[in-house]
Amino acid sequence: MKKFLRTLRNATKGVDLSLIITFILLGFIGIVMVYSASMVPASKGSLTGGYPVASNHFMKRQAIYFVIGLIIIFFSLFVRIDFFKSPNVQLIMLLVTFGLLALTLLIGKEIN
């Protein structure tokens, strides 16, 4: 446990605390805004194709995505910047990005 705390302390040594606080504050504001914008339409079913859902359905989804983002940020603290400077890693990230874009064209559906 002491080793983990020491590693965590070393990893957060160069973290900009104001940036983290801003991210968390904007995340909470976003959750409140999603709830206030979708509370009534969600319960009437106008946002889900006529199927009414709980008034906090979209707020829960937004909160889940926010927590996933926090977890990704937490784990990115332990990745060294030199890792991303490698040309092989950059090529892999570029190919994954293009692959996801192509996948959107293949399995995505037009809404309007």
PDB file of N, CA and C in Angstrom:
ATOM      1  N   MET A   1       0.823  -1.195   0.000  1.00  0.00           N
ATOM      2  CA  MET A   1       0.000   0.000   0.000  1.00  0.00           C
ATOM      3  C   MET A   1       0.862   1.252   0.000  1.00  0.00           C
ATOM      4  N   LYS A   2       1.966   1.218   0.754  1.00  0.00           N
ATOM      5  CA  LYS A   2       2.847   2.376   0.799  1.00  0.00           C
ATOM      6  C   LYS A   2       3.495   2.623  -0.555  1.00  0.00           C
ATOM      7  N   LYS A   3       3.813   1.518  -1.247  1.00  0.00           N
ATOM      8  CA  LYS A   3       4.422   1.658  -2.566  1.00  0.00           C
ATOM      9  C   LYS A   3       3.437   2.304  -3.547  1.00  0.00           C
ATOM     10  N   PHE A   4       2.168   1.898  -3.471  1.00  0.00           N
ATOM     11  CA  PHE A   4       1.150   2.483  -4.343  1.00  0.00           C
ATOM     12  C   PHE A   4       0.986   3.969  -4.057  1.00  0.00           C
ATOM     13  N   LEU A   5       0.932   4.347  -2.787  1.00  0.00           N
ATOM     14  CA  LEU A   5       0.785   5.760  -2.432  1.00  0.00           C
ATOM     15  C   LEU A   5       1.993   6.572  -2.879  1.00  0.00           C
ATOM     16  N   ARG A   6       3.177   5.992  -2.772  1.00  0.00           N
ATOM     17  CA  ARG A   6       4.382   6.681  -3.224  1.00  0.00           C
ATOM     18  C   ARG A   6       4.351   6.857  -4.743  1.00  0.00           C
ATOM     19  N   THR A   7       3.915   5.824  -5.459  1.00  0.00           N
ATOM     20  CA  THR A   7       3.796   5.911  -6.917  1.00  0.00           C
ATOM     21  C   THR A   7       2.762   6.953  -7.306  1.00  0.00           C
ATOM     22  N   LEU A   8       1.645   6.975  -6.600  1.00  0.00           N
ATOM     23  CA  LEU A   8       0.604   7.961  -6.875  1.00  0.00           C
ATOM     24  C   LEU A   8       1.100   9.376  -6.609  1.00  0.00           C
ATOM     25  N   ARG A   9       1.833   9.558  -5.533  1.00  0.00           N
ATOM     26  CA  ARG A   9       2.383  10.872  -5.205  1.00  0.00           C
ATOM     27  C   ARG A   9       3.380  11.326  -6.271  1.00  0.00           C
ATOM     28  N   ASN A  10       4.220  10.411  -6.750  1.00  0.00           N
ATOM     29  CA  ASN A  10       5.189  10.751  -7.792  1.00  0.00           C
ATOM     30  C   ASN A  10       4.502  11.048  -9.118  1.00  0.00           C
ATOM     31  N   ALA A  11       3.424  10.320  -9.418  1.00  0.00           N
ATOM     32  CA  ALA A  11       2.726  10.520 -10.685  1.00  0.00           C
ATOM     33  C   ALA A  11       1.970  11.838 -10.702  1.00  0.00           C
ATOM     34  N   THR A  12       1.494  12.277  -9.560  1.00  0.00           N
ATOM     35  CA  THR A  12       0.712  13.514  -9.513  1.00  0.00           C
ATOM     36  C   THR A  12       1.560  14.729  -9.179  1.00  0.00           C
ATOM     37  N   LYS A  13       2.860  14.567  -9.204  1.00  0.00           N
ATOM     38  CA  LYS A  13       3.749  15.665  -8.838  1.00  0.00           C
ATOM     39  C   LYS A  13       3.636  16.835  -9.823  1.00  0.00           C
ATOM     40  N   GLY A  14       3.526  16.561 -11.108  1.00  0.00           N
ATOM     41  CA  GLY A  14       3.475  17.621 -12.104  1.00  0.00           C
ATOM     42  C   GLY A  14       2.082  17.916 -12.624  1.00  0.00           C
ATOM     43  N   VAL A  15       1.054  17.491 -11.904  1.00  0.00           N
ATOM     44  CA  VAL A  15      -0.323  17.669 -12.366  1.00  0.00           C
ATOM     45  C   VAL A  15      -0.792  19.084 -12.069  1.00  0.00           C
ATOM     46  N   ASP A  16      -1.444  19.672 -13.056  1.00  0.00           N
ATOM     47  CA  ASP A  16      -2.021  20.998 -12.879  1.00  0.00           C
ATOM     48  C   ASP A  16      -3.368  20.838 -12.178  1.00  0.00           C
ATOM     49  N   LEU A  17      -3.412  21.151 -10.903  1.00  0.00           N
ATOM     50  CA  LEU A  17      -4.613  20.945 -10.093  1.00  0.00           C
ATOM     51  C   LEU A  17      -5.775  21.805 -10.574  1.00  0.00           C
ATOM     52  N   SER A  18      -5.486  23.005 -11.051  1.00  0.00           N
ATOM     53  CA  SER A  18      -6.568  23.865 -11.539  1.00  0.00           C
ATOM     54  C   SER A  18      -7.229  23.259 -12.774  1.00  0.00           C
ATOM     55  N   LEU A  19      -6.469  22.551 -13.590  1.00  0.00           N
ATOM     56  CA  LEU A  19      -7.039  21.891 -14.761  1.00  0.00           C
ATOM     57  C   LEU A  19      -7.962  20.745 -14.349  1.00  0.00           C
ATOM     58  N   ILE A  20      -7.563  19.981 -13.363  1.00  0.00           N
ATOM     59  CA  ILE A  20      -8.395  18.877 -12.872  1.00  0.00           C
ATOM     60  C   ILE A  20      -9.679  19.413 -12.243  1.00  0.00           C
ATOM     61  N   ILE A  21      -9.563  20.466 -11.438  1.00  0.00           N
ATOM     62  CA  ILE A  21     -10.747  21.059 -10.804  1.00  0.00           C
ATOM     63  C   ILE A  21     -11.691  21.615 -11.861  1.00  0.00           C
ATOM     64  N   THR A  22     -11.143  22.260 -12.893  1.00  0.00           N
ATOM     65  CA  THR A  22     -11.976  22.787 -13.976  1.00  0.00           C
ATOM     66  C   THR A  22     -12.693  21.659 -14.700  1.00  0.00           C
ATOM     67  N   PHE A  23     -11.996  20.562 -14.968  1.00  0.00           N
ATOM     68  CA  PHE A  23     -12.610  19.415 -15.627  1.00  0.00           C
ATOM     69  C   PHE A  23     -13.768  18.863 -14.800  1.00  0.00           C
ATOM     70  N   ILE A  24     -13.554  18.703 -13.511  1.00  0.00           N
ATOM     71  CA  ILE A  24     -14.599  18.162 -12.639  1.00  0.00           C
ATOM     72  C   ILE A  24     -15.777  19.129 -12.544  1.00  0.00           C
ATOM     73  N   LEU A  25     -15.492  20.413 -12.415  1.00  0.00           N
ATOM     74  CA  LEU A  25     -16.559  21.411 -12.330  1.00  0.00           C
ATOM     75  C   LEU A  25     -17.391  21.438 -13.612  1.00  0.00           C
ATOM     76  N   LEU A  26     -16.730  21.435 -14.764  1.00  0.00           N
ATOM     77  CA  LEU A  26     -17.462  21.419 -16.031  1.00  0.00           C
ATOM     78  C   LEU A  26     -18.243  20.123 -16.209  1.00  0.00           C
ATOM     79  N   GLY A  27     -17.708  19.022 -15.714  1.00  0.00           N
ATOM     80  CA  GLY A  27     -18.436  17.760 -15.785  1.00  0.00           C
ATOM     81  C   GLY A  27     -19.724  17.799 -14.983  1.00  0.00           C
ATOM     82  N   PHE A  28     -19.648  18.341 -13.768  1.00  0.00           N
ATOM     83  CA  PHE A  28     -20.860  18.451 -12.951  1.00  0.00           C
ATOM     84  C   PHE A  28     -21.862  19.429 -13.557  1.00  0.00           C
ATOM     85  N   ILE A  29     -21.383  20.528 -14.113  1.00  0.00           N
ATOM     86  CA  ILE A  29     -22.286  21.470 -14.781  1.00  0.00           C
ATOM     87  C   ILE A  29     -22.957  20.782 -15.967  1.00  0.00           C
ATOM     88  N   GLY A  30     -22.197  19.983 -16.714  1.00  0.00           N
ATOM     89  CA  GLY A  30     -22.767  19.248 -17.843  1.00  0.00           C
ATOM     90  C   GLY A  30     -23.830  18.261 -17.412  1.00  0.00           C
ATOM     91  N   ILE A  31     -23.601  17.573 -16.312  1.00  0.00           N
ATOM     92  CA  ILE A  31     -24.593  16.617 -15.811  1.00  0.00           C
ATOM     93  C   ILE A  31     -25.878  17.340 -15.421  1.00  0.00           C
ATOM     94  N   VAL A  32     -25.753  18.471 -14.749  1.00  0.00           N
ATOM     95  CA  VAL A  32     -26.935  19.250 -14.355  1.00  0.00           C
ATOM     96  C   VAL A  32     -27.668  19.768 -15.588  1.00  0.00           C
ATOM     97  N   MET A  33     -26.925  20.226 -16.586  1.00  0.00           N
ATOM     98  CA  MET A  33     -27.560  20.753 -17.801  1.00  0.00           C
ATOM     99  C   MET A  33     -28.289  19.650 -18.568  1.00  0.00           C
ATOM    100  N   VAL A  34     -27.694  18.476 -18.662  1.00  0.00           N
ATOM    101  CA  VAL A  34     -28.359  17.359 -19.335  1.00  0.00           C
ATOM    102  C   VAL A  34     -29.629  16.981 -18.588  1.00  0.00           C
ATOM    103  N   TYR A  35     -29.571  16.965 -17.275  1.00  0.00           N
ATOM    104  CA  TYR A  35     -30.761  16.625 -16.497  1.00  0.00           C
ATOM    105  C   TYR A  35     -31.862  17.662 -16.696  1.00  0.00           C
ATOM    106  N   SER A  36     -31.498  18.938 -16.643  1.00  0.00           N
ATOM    107  CA  SER A  36     -32.530  19.969 -16.772  1.00  0.00           C
ATOM    108  C   SER A  36     -33.110  20.017 -18.180  1.00  0.00           C
ATOM    109  N   ALA A  37     -32.318  19.663 -19.186  1.00  0.00           N
ATOM    110  CA  ALA A  37     -32.818  19.712 -20.558  1.00  0.00           C
ATOM    111  C   ALA A  37     -33.625  18.474 -20.930  1.00  0.00           C
ATOM    112  N   SER A  38     -33.388  17.348 -20.275  1.00  0.00           N
ATOM    113  CA  SER A  38     -34.043  16.110 -20.699  1.00  0.00           C
ATOM    114  C   SER A  38     -35.023  15.547 -19.680  1.00  0.00           C
ATOM    115  N   MET A  39     -35.246  16.224 -18.583  1.00  0.00           N
ATOM    116  CA  MET A  39     -36.093  15.692 -17.522  1.00  0.00           C
ATOM    117  C   MET A  39     -37.527  15.467 -18.016  1.00  0.00           C
ATOM    118  N   VAL A  40     -38.167  16.483 -18.542  1.00  0.00           N
ATOM    119  CA  VAL A  40     -39.564  16.365 -18.969  1.00  0.00           C
ATOM    120  C   VAL A  40     -39.688  15.598 -20.287  1.00  0.00           C
ATOM    121  N   PRO A  41     -38.877  15.911 -21.333  1.00  0.00           N
ATOM    122  CA  PRO A  41     -39.024  15.148 -22.576  1.00  0.00           C
ATOM    123  C   PRO A  41     -38.744  13.653 -22.424  1.00  0.00           C
ATOM    124  N   ALA A  42     -37.848  13.269 -21.530  1.00  0.00           N
ATOM    125  CA  ALA A  42     -37.557  11.844 -21.342  1.00  0.00           C
ATOM    126  C   ALA A  42     -38.748  11.125 -20.739  1.00  0.00           C
ATOM    127  N   SER A  43     -39.415  11.753 -19.790  1.00  0.00           N
ATOM    128  CA  SER A  43     -40.563  11.093 -19.166  1.00  0.00           C
ATOM    129  C   SER A  43     -41.757  11.024 -20.108  1.00  0.00           C
ATOM    130  N   LYS A  44     -41.811  11.928 -21.093  1.00  0.00           N
ATOM    131  CA  LYS A  44     -42.889  11.883 -22.087  1.00  0.00           C
ATOM    132  C   LYS A  44     -42.547  10.977 -23.264  1.00  0.00           C
ATOM    133  N   GLY A  45     -41.263  10.638 -23.415  1.00  0.00           N
ATOM    134  CA  GLY A  45     -40.851   9.747 -24.493  1.00  0.00           C
ATOM    135  C   GLY A  45     -40.496  10.449 -25.779  1.00  0.00           C
ATOM    136  N   SER A  46     -40.414  11.770 -25.782  1.00  0.00           N
ATOM    137  CA  SER A  46     -40.120  12.480 -27.026  1.00  0.00           C
ATOM    138  C   SER A  46     -38.648  12.386 -27.427  1.00  0.00           C
ATOM    139  N   LEU A  47     -37.779  11.954 -26.539  1.00  0.00           N
ATOM    140  CA  LEU A  47     -36.356  11.805 -26.871  1.00  0.00           C
ATOM    141  C   LEU A  47     -35.983  10.365 -27.205  1.00  0.00           C
ATOM    142  N   THR A  48     -36.883   9.444 -26.987  1.00  0.00           N
ATOM    143  CA  THR A  48     -36.563   8.027 -27.172  1.00  0.00           C
ATOM    144  C   THR A  48     -37.496   7.345 -28.157  1.00  0.00           C
ATOM    145  N   GLY A  49     -38.054   8.087 -29.072  1.00  0.00           N
ATOM    146  CA  GLY A  49     -38.912   7.485 -30.083  1.00  0.00           C
ATOM    147  C   GLY A  49     -40.267   7.054 -29.569  1.00  0.00           C
ATOM    148  N   GLY A  50     -40.807   7.747 -28.596  1.00  0.00           N
ATOM    149  CA  GLY A  50     -42.133   7.446 -28.081  1.00  0.00           C
ATOM    150  C   GLY A  50     -42.161   6.540 -26.872  1.00  0.00           C
ATOM    151  N   TYR A  51     -41.022   6.036 -26.460  1.00  0.00           N
ATOM    152  CA  TYR A  51     -40.958   5.172 -25.286  1.00  0.00           C
ATOM    153  C   TYR A  51     -40.517   5.986 -24.080  1.00  0.00           C
ATOM    154  N   PRO A  52     -41.405   6.198 -23.128  1.00  0.00           N
ATOM    155  CA  PRO A  52     -41.009   6.988 -21.951  1.00  0.00           C
ATOM    156  C   PRO A  52     -39.977   6.246 -21.102  1.00  0.00           C
ATOM    157  N   VAL A  53     -39.018   7.000 -20.623  1.00  0.00           N
ATOM    158  CA  VAL A  53     -37.992   6.463 -19.726  1.00  0.00           C
ATOM    159  C   VAL A  53     -38.003   7.306 -18.460  1.00  0.00           C
ATOM    160  N   ALA A  54     -37.223   6.904 -17.486  1.00  0.00           N
ATOM    161  CA  ALA A  54     -37.143   7.664 -16.238  1.00  0.00           C
ATOM    162  C   ALA A  54     -36.606   9.064 -16.516  1.00  0.00           C
ATOM    163  N   SER A  55     -37.036  10.013 -15.721  1.00  0.00           N
ATOM    164  CA  SER A  55     -36.636  11.403 -15.965  1.00  0.00           C
ATOM    165  C   SER A  55     -35.137  11.612 -15.782  1.00  0.00           C
ATOM    166  N   ASN A  56     -34.481  10.733 -15.052  1.00  0.00           N
ATOM    167  CA  ASN A  56     -33.035  10.884 -14.856  1.00  0.00           C
ATOM    168  C   ASN A  56     -32.222   9.915 -15.716  1.00  0.00           C
ATOM    169  N   HIS A  57     -32.822   9.317 -16.729  1.00  0.00           N
ATOM    170  CA  HIS A  57     -32.146   8.344 -17.586  1.00  0.00           C
ATOM    171  C   HIS A  57     -30.917   8.944 -18.267  1.00  0.00           C
ATOM    172  N   PHE A  58     -31.083  10.091 -18.895  1.00  0.00           N
ATOM    173  CA  PHE A  58     -29.972  10.703 -19.624  1.00  0.00           C
ATOM    174  C   PHE A  58     -28.931  11.287 -18.671  1.00  0.00           C
ATOM    175  N   MET A  59     -29.358  11.712 -17.505  1.00  0.00           N
ATOM    176  CA  MET A  59     -28.408  12.204 -16.511  1.00  0.00           C
ATOM    177  C   MET A  59     -27.506  11.063 -16.031  1.00  0.00           C
ATOM    178  N   LYS A  60     -28.092   9.882 -15.825  1.00  0.00           N
ATOM    179  CA  LYS A  60     -27.293   8.730 -15.404  1.00  0.00           C
ATOM    180  C   LYS A  60     -26.258   8.374 -16.464  1.00  0.00           C
ATOM    181  N   ARG A  61     -26.677   8.394 -17.729  1.00  0.00           N
ATOM    182  CA  ARG A  61     -25.736   8.077 -18.805  1.00  0.00           C
ATOM    183  C   ARG A  61     -24.612   9.097 -18.863  1.00  0.00           C
ATOM    184  N   GLN A  62     -24.944  10.372 -18.721  1.00  0.00           N
ATOM    185  CA  GLN A  62     -23.921  11.416 -18.725  1.00  0.00           C
ATOM    186  C   GLN A  62     -22.964  11.233 -17.549  1.00  0.00           C
ATOM    187  N   ALA A  63     -23.494  10.882 -16.392  1.00  0.00           N
ATOM    188  CA  ALA A  63     -22.644  10.670 -15.214  1.00  0.00           C
ATOM    189  C   ALA A  63     -21.723   9.467 -15.410  1.00  0.00           C
ATOM    190  N   ILE A  64     -22.220   8.425 -16.051  1.00  0.00           N
ATOM    191  CA  ILE A  64     -21.385   7.249 -16.321  1.00  0.00           C
ATOM    192  C   ILE A  64     -20.237   7.620 -17.251  1.00  0.00           C
ATOM    193  N   TYR A  65     -20.530   8.384 -18.311  1.00  0.00           N
ATOM    194  CA  TYR A  65     -19.468   8.800 -19.236  1.00  0.00           C
ATOM    195  C   TYR A  65     -18.472   9.726 -18.541  1.00  0.00           C
ATOM    196  N   PHE A  66     -18.947  10.532 -17.630  1.00  0.00           N
ATOM    197  CA  PHE A  66     -18.062  11.419 -16.871  1.00  0.00           C
ATOM    198  C   PHE A  66     -17.113  10.608 -15.990  1.00  0.00           C
ATOM    199  N   VAL A  67     -17.637   9.595 -15.322  1.00  0.00           N
ATOM    200  CA  VAL A  67     -16.800   8.750 -14.464  1.00  0.00           C
ATOM    201  C   VAL A  67     -15.786   7.973 -15.308  1.00  0.00           C
ATOM    202  N   ILE A  68     -16.207   7.494 -16.477  1.00  0.00           N
ATOM    203  CA  ILE A  68     -15.268   6.814 -17.373  1.00  0.00           C
ATOM    204  C   ILE A  68     -14.143   7.763 -17.774  1.00  0.00           C
ATOM    205  N   GLY A  69     -14.485   9.020 -18.057  1.00  0.00           N
ATOM    206  CA  GLY A  69     -13.468  10.019 -18.382  1.00  0.00           C
ATOM    207  C   GLY A  69     -12.512  10.262 -17.231  1.00  0.00           C
ATOM    208  N   LEU A  70     -13.037  10.316 -16.016  1.00  0.00           N
ATOM    209  CA  LEU A  70     -12.172  10.481 -14.841  1.00  0.00           C
ATOM    210  C   LEU A  70     -11.217   9.302 -14.670  1.00  0.00           C
ATOM    211  N   ILE A  71     -11.721   8.104 -14.914  1.00  0.00           N
ATOM    212  CA  ILE A  71     -10.868   6.916 -14.798  1.00  0.00           C
ATOM    213  C   ILE A  71      -9.765   6.945 -15.849  1.00  0.00           C
ATOM    214  N   ILE A  72     -10.109   7.336 -17.070  1.00  0.00           N
ATOM    215  CA  ILE A  72      -9.098   7.430 -18.127  1.00  0.00           C
ATOM    216  C   ILE A  72      -8.050   8.478 -17.769  1.00  0.00           C
ATOM    217  N   ILE A  73      -8.480   9.607 -17.244  1.00  0.00           N
ATOM    218  CA  ILE A  73      -7.526  10.641 -16.833  1.00  0.00           C
ATOM    219  C   ILE A  73      -6.631  10.122 -15.713  1.00  0.00           C
ATOM    220  N   PHE A  74      -7.207   9.402 -14.756  1.00  0.00           N
ATOM    221  CA  PHE A  74      -6.414   8.872 -13.648  1.00  0.00           C
ATOM    222  C   PHE A  74      -5.326   7.927 -14.157  1.00  0.00           C
ATOM    223  N   PHE A  75      -5.688   7.021 -15.063  1.00  0.00           N
ATOM    224  CA  PHE A  75      -4.694   6.079 -15.567  1.00  0.00           C
ATOM    225  C   PHE A  75      -3.693   6.749 -16.502  1.00  0.00           C
ATOM    226  N   SER A  76      -4.093   7.830 -17.154  1.00  0.00           N
ATOM    227  CA  SER A  76      -3.143   8.523 -18.031  1.00  0.00           C
ATOM    228  C   SER A  76      -2.057   9.242 -17.235  1.00  0.00           C
ATOM    229  N   LEU A  77      -2.266   9.443 -15.949  1.00  0.00           N
ATOM    230  CA  LEU A  77      -1.223  10.039 -15.116  1.00  0.00           C
ATOM    231  C   LEU A  77       0.010   9.143 -15.022  1.00  0.00           C
ATOM    232  N   PHE A  78      -0.184   7.846 -15.182  1.00  0.00           N
ATOM    233  CA  PHE A  78       0.910   6.900 -15.021  1.00  0.00           C
ATOM    234  C   PHE A  78       1.637   6.597 -16.330  1.00  0.00           C
ATOM    235  N   VAL A  79       1.175   7.152 -17.443  1.00  0.00           N
ATOM    236  CA  VAL A  79       1.817   6.919 -18.735  1.00  0.00           C
ATOM    237  C   VAL A  79       2.859   8.005 -18.958  1.00  0.00           C
ATOM    238  N   ARG A  80       4.055   7.574 -19.270  1.00  0.00           N
ATOM    239  CA  ARG A  80       5.123   8.536 -19.522  1.00  0.00           C
ATOM    240  C   ARG A  80       4.907   9.190 -20.883  1.00  0.00           C
ATOM    241  N   ILE A  81       5.236  10.468 -20.978  1.00  0.00           N
ATOM    242  CA  ILE A  81       5.076  11.224 -22.218  1.00  0.00           C
ATOM    243  C   ILE A  81       5.948  10.642 -23.323  1.00  0.00           C
ATOM    244  N   ASP A  82       7.093  10.100 -22.967  1.00  0.00           N
ATOM    245  CA  ASP A  82       7.990   9.516 -23.967  1.00  0.00           C
ATOM    246  C   ASP A  82       7.323   8.365 -24.716  1.00  0.00           C
ATOM    247  N   PHE A  83       6.361   7.721 -24.073  1.00  0.00           N
ATOM    248  CA  PHE A  83       5.638   6.627 -24.716  1.00  0.00           C
ATOM    249  C   PHE A  83       4.933   7.111 -25.979  1.00  0.00           C
ATOM    250  N   PHE A  84       4.359   8.307 -25.948  1.00  0.00           N
ATOM    251  CA  PHE A  84       3.615   8.833 -27.088  1.00  0.00           C
ATOM    252  C   PHE A  84       4.519   9.428 -28.158  1.00  0.00           C
ATOM    253  N   LYS A  85       5.783   9.633 -27.851  1.00  0.00           N
ATOM    254  CA  LYS A  85       6.722  10.176 -28.829  1.00  0.00           C
ATOM    255  C   LYS A  85       7.250   9.112 -29.778  1.00  0.00           C
ATOM    256  N   SER A  86       7.012   7.865 -29.469  1.00  0.00           N
ATOM    257  CA  SER A  86       7.473   6.771 -30.314  1.00  0.00           C
ATOM    258  C   SER A  86       6.681   6.760 -31.626  1.00  0.00           C
ATOM    259  N   PRO A  87       7.366   6.687 -32.776  1.00  0.00           N
ATOM    260  CA  PRO A  87       6.653   6.666 -34.062  1.00  0.00           C
ATOM    261  C   PRO A  87       5.713   5.470 -34.196  1.00  0.00           C
ATOM    262  N   ASN A  88       6.070   4.335 -33.614  1.00  0.00           N
ATOM    263  CA  ASN A  88       5.193   3.163 -33.698  1.00  0.00           C
ATOM    264  C   ASN A  88       3.878   3.398 -32.960  1.00  0.00           C
ATOM    265  N   VAL A  89       3.948   4.005 -31.795  1.00  0.00           N
ATOM    266  CA  VAL A  89       2.735   4.291 -31.025  1.00  0.00           C
ATOM    267  C   VAL A  89       1.880   5.313 -31.763  1.00  0.00           C
ATOM    268  N   GLN A  90       2.508   6.317 -32.347  1.00  0.00           N
ATOM    269  CA  GLN A  90       1.763   7.324 -33.095  1.00  0.00           C
ATOM    270  C   GLN A  90       1.076   6.707 -34.303  1.00  0.00           C
ATOM    271  N   LEU A  91       1.756   5.796 -34.991  1.00  0.00           N
ATOM    272  CA  LEU A  91       1.155   5.124 -36.138  1.00  0.00           C
ATOM    273  C   LEU A  91      -0.026   4.262 -35.707  1.00  0.00           C
ATOM    274  N   ILE A  92       0.122   3.552 -34.608  1.00  0.00           N
ATOM    275  CA  ILE A  92      -0.976   2.713 -34.112  1.00  0.00           C
ATOM    276  C   ILE A  92      -2.179   3.579 -33.737  1.00  0.00           C
ATOM    277  N   MET A  93      -1.935   4.698 -33.057  1.00  0.00           N
ATOM    278  CA  MET A  93      -3.047   5.581 -32.677  1.00  0.00           C
ATOM    279  C   MET A  93      -3.726   6.157 -33.916  1.00  0.00           C
ATOM    280  N   LEU A  94      -2.952   6.513 -34.938  1.00  0.00           N
ATOM    281  CA  LEU A  94      -3.520   7.041 -36.175  1.00  0.00           C
ATOM    282  C   LEU A  94      -4.364   5.990 -36.876  1.00  0.00           C
ATOM    283  N   LEU A  95      -3.862   4.760 -36.953  1.00  0.00           N
ATOM    284  CA  LEU A  95      -4.612   3.689 -37.604  1.00  0.00           C
ATOM    285  C   LEU A  95      -5.883   3.342 -36.835  1.00  0.00           C
ATOM    286  N   VAL A  96      -5.813   3.346 -35.518  1.00  0.00           N
ATOM    287  CA  VAL A  96      -7.015   3.085 -34.710  1.00  0.00           C
ATOM    288  C   VAL A  96      -8.049   4.184 -34.937  1.00  0.00           C
ATOM    289  N   THR A  97      -7.592   5.436 -35.009  1.00  0.00           N
ATOM    290  CA  THR A  97      -8.512   6.552 -35.252  1.00  0.00           C
ATOM    291  C   THR A  97      -9.186   6.419 -36.609  1.00  0.00           C
ATOM    292  N   PHE A  98      -8.408   6.138 -37.650  1.00  0.00           N
ATOM    293  CA  PHE A  98      -8.996   5.959 -38.979  1.00  0.00           C
ATOM    294  C   PHE A  98      -9.911   4.740 -39.023  1.00  0.00           C
ATOM    295  N   GLY A  99      -9.538   3.684 -38.318  1.00  0.00           N
ATOM    296  CA  GLY A  99     -10.393   2.507 -38.266  1.00  0.00           C
ATOM    297  C   GLY A  99     -11.734   2.798 -37.608  1.00  0.00           C
ATOM    298  N   LEU A 100     -11.713   3.568 -36.528  1.00  0.00           N
ATOM    299  CA  LEU A 100     -12.971   3.932 -35.870  1.00  0.00           C
ATOM    300  C   LEU A 100     -13.818   4.844 -36.749  1.00  0.00           C
ATOM    301  N   LEU A 101     -13.167   5.740 -37.499  1.00  0.00           N
ATOM    302  CA  LEU A 101     -13.916   6.586 -38.434  1.00  0.00           C
ATOM    303  C   LEU A 101     -14.566   5.743 -39.526  1.00  0.00           C
ATOM    304  N   ALA A 102     -13.842   4.777 -40.070  1.00  0.00           N
ATOM    305  CA  ALA A 102     -14.404   3.897 -41.093  1.00  0.00           C
ATOM    306  C   ALA A 102     -15.523   3.041 -40.510  1.00  0.00           C
ATOM    307  N   LEU A 103     -15.355   2.593 -39.285  1.00  0.00           N
ATOM    308  CA  LEU A 103     -16.386   1.796 -38.629  1.00  0.00           C
ATOM    309  C   LEU A 103     -17.676   2.599 -38.454  1.00  0.00           C
ATOM    310  N   THR A 104     -17.534   3.887 -38.205  1.00  0.00           N
ATOM    311  CA  THR A 104     -18.713   4.749 -38.093  1.00  0.00           C
ATOM    312  C   THR A 104     -19.483   4.786 -39.406  1.00  0.00           C
ATOM    313  N   LEU A 105     -18.760   4.843 -40.517  1.00  0.00           N
ATOM    314  CA  LEU A 105     -19.430   4.838 -41.817  1.00  0.00           C
ATOM    315  C   LEU A 105     -20.119   3.508 -42.091  1.00  0.00           C
ATOM    316  N   LEU A 106     -19.538   2.427 -41.621  1.00  0.00           N
ATOM    317  CA  LEU A 106     -20.086   1.106 -41.911  1.00  0.00           C
ATOM    318  C   LEU A 106     -21.276   0.746 -41.026  1.00  0.00           C
ATOM    319  N   ILE A 107     -21.182   0.971 -39.736  1.00  0.00           N
ATOM    320  CA  ILE A 107     -22.260   0.518 -38.845  1.00  0.00           C
ATOM    321  C   ILE A 107     -23.136   1.655 -38.341  1.00  0.00           C
ATOM    322  N   GLY A 108     -22.783   2.885 -38.669  1.00  0.00           N
ATOM    323  CA  GLY A 108     -23.593   4.013 -38.215  1.00  0.00           C
ATOM    324  C   GLY A 108     -24.898   4.091 -38.985  1.00  0.00           C
ATOM    325  N   LYS A 109     -25.886   4.703 -38.378  1.00  0.00           N
ATOM    326  CA  LYS A 109     -27.159   4.878 -39.069  1.00  0.00           C
ATOM    327  C   LYS A 109     -27.543   6.349 -39.039  1.00  0.00           C
ATOM    328  N   GLU A 110     -28.182   6.774 -40.100  1.00  0.00           N
ATOM    329  CA  GLU A 110     -28.583   8.169 -40.213  1.00  0.00           C
ATOM    330  C   GLU A 110     -29.852   8.393 -39.398  1.00  0.00           C
ATOM    331  N   ILE A 111     -29.843   9.427 -38.595  1.00  0.00           N
ATOM    332  CA  ILE A 111     -30.975   9.692 -37.711  1.00  0.00           C
ATOM    333  C   ILE A 111     -32.015  10.571 -38.392  1.00  0.00           C
ATOM    334  N   ASN A 112     -31.581  11.643 -38.993  1.00  0.00           N
ATOM    335  CA  ASN A 112     -32.543  12.568 -39.623  1.00  0.00           C
ATOM    336  C   ASN A 112     -32.556  12.395 -41.115  1.00  0.00           C
TER     337      ASN A 112
END
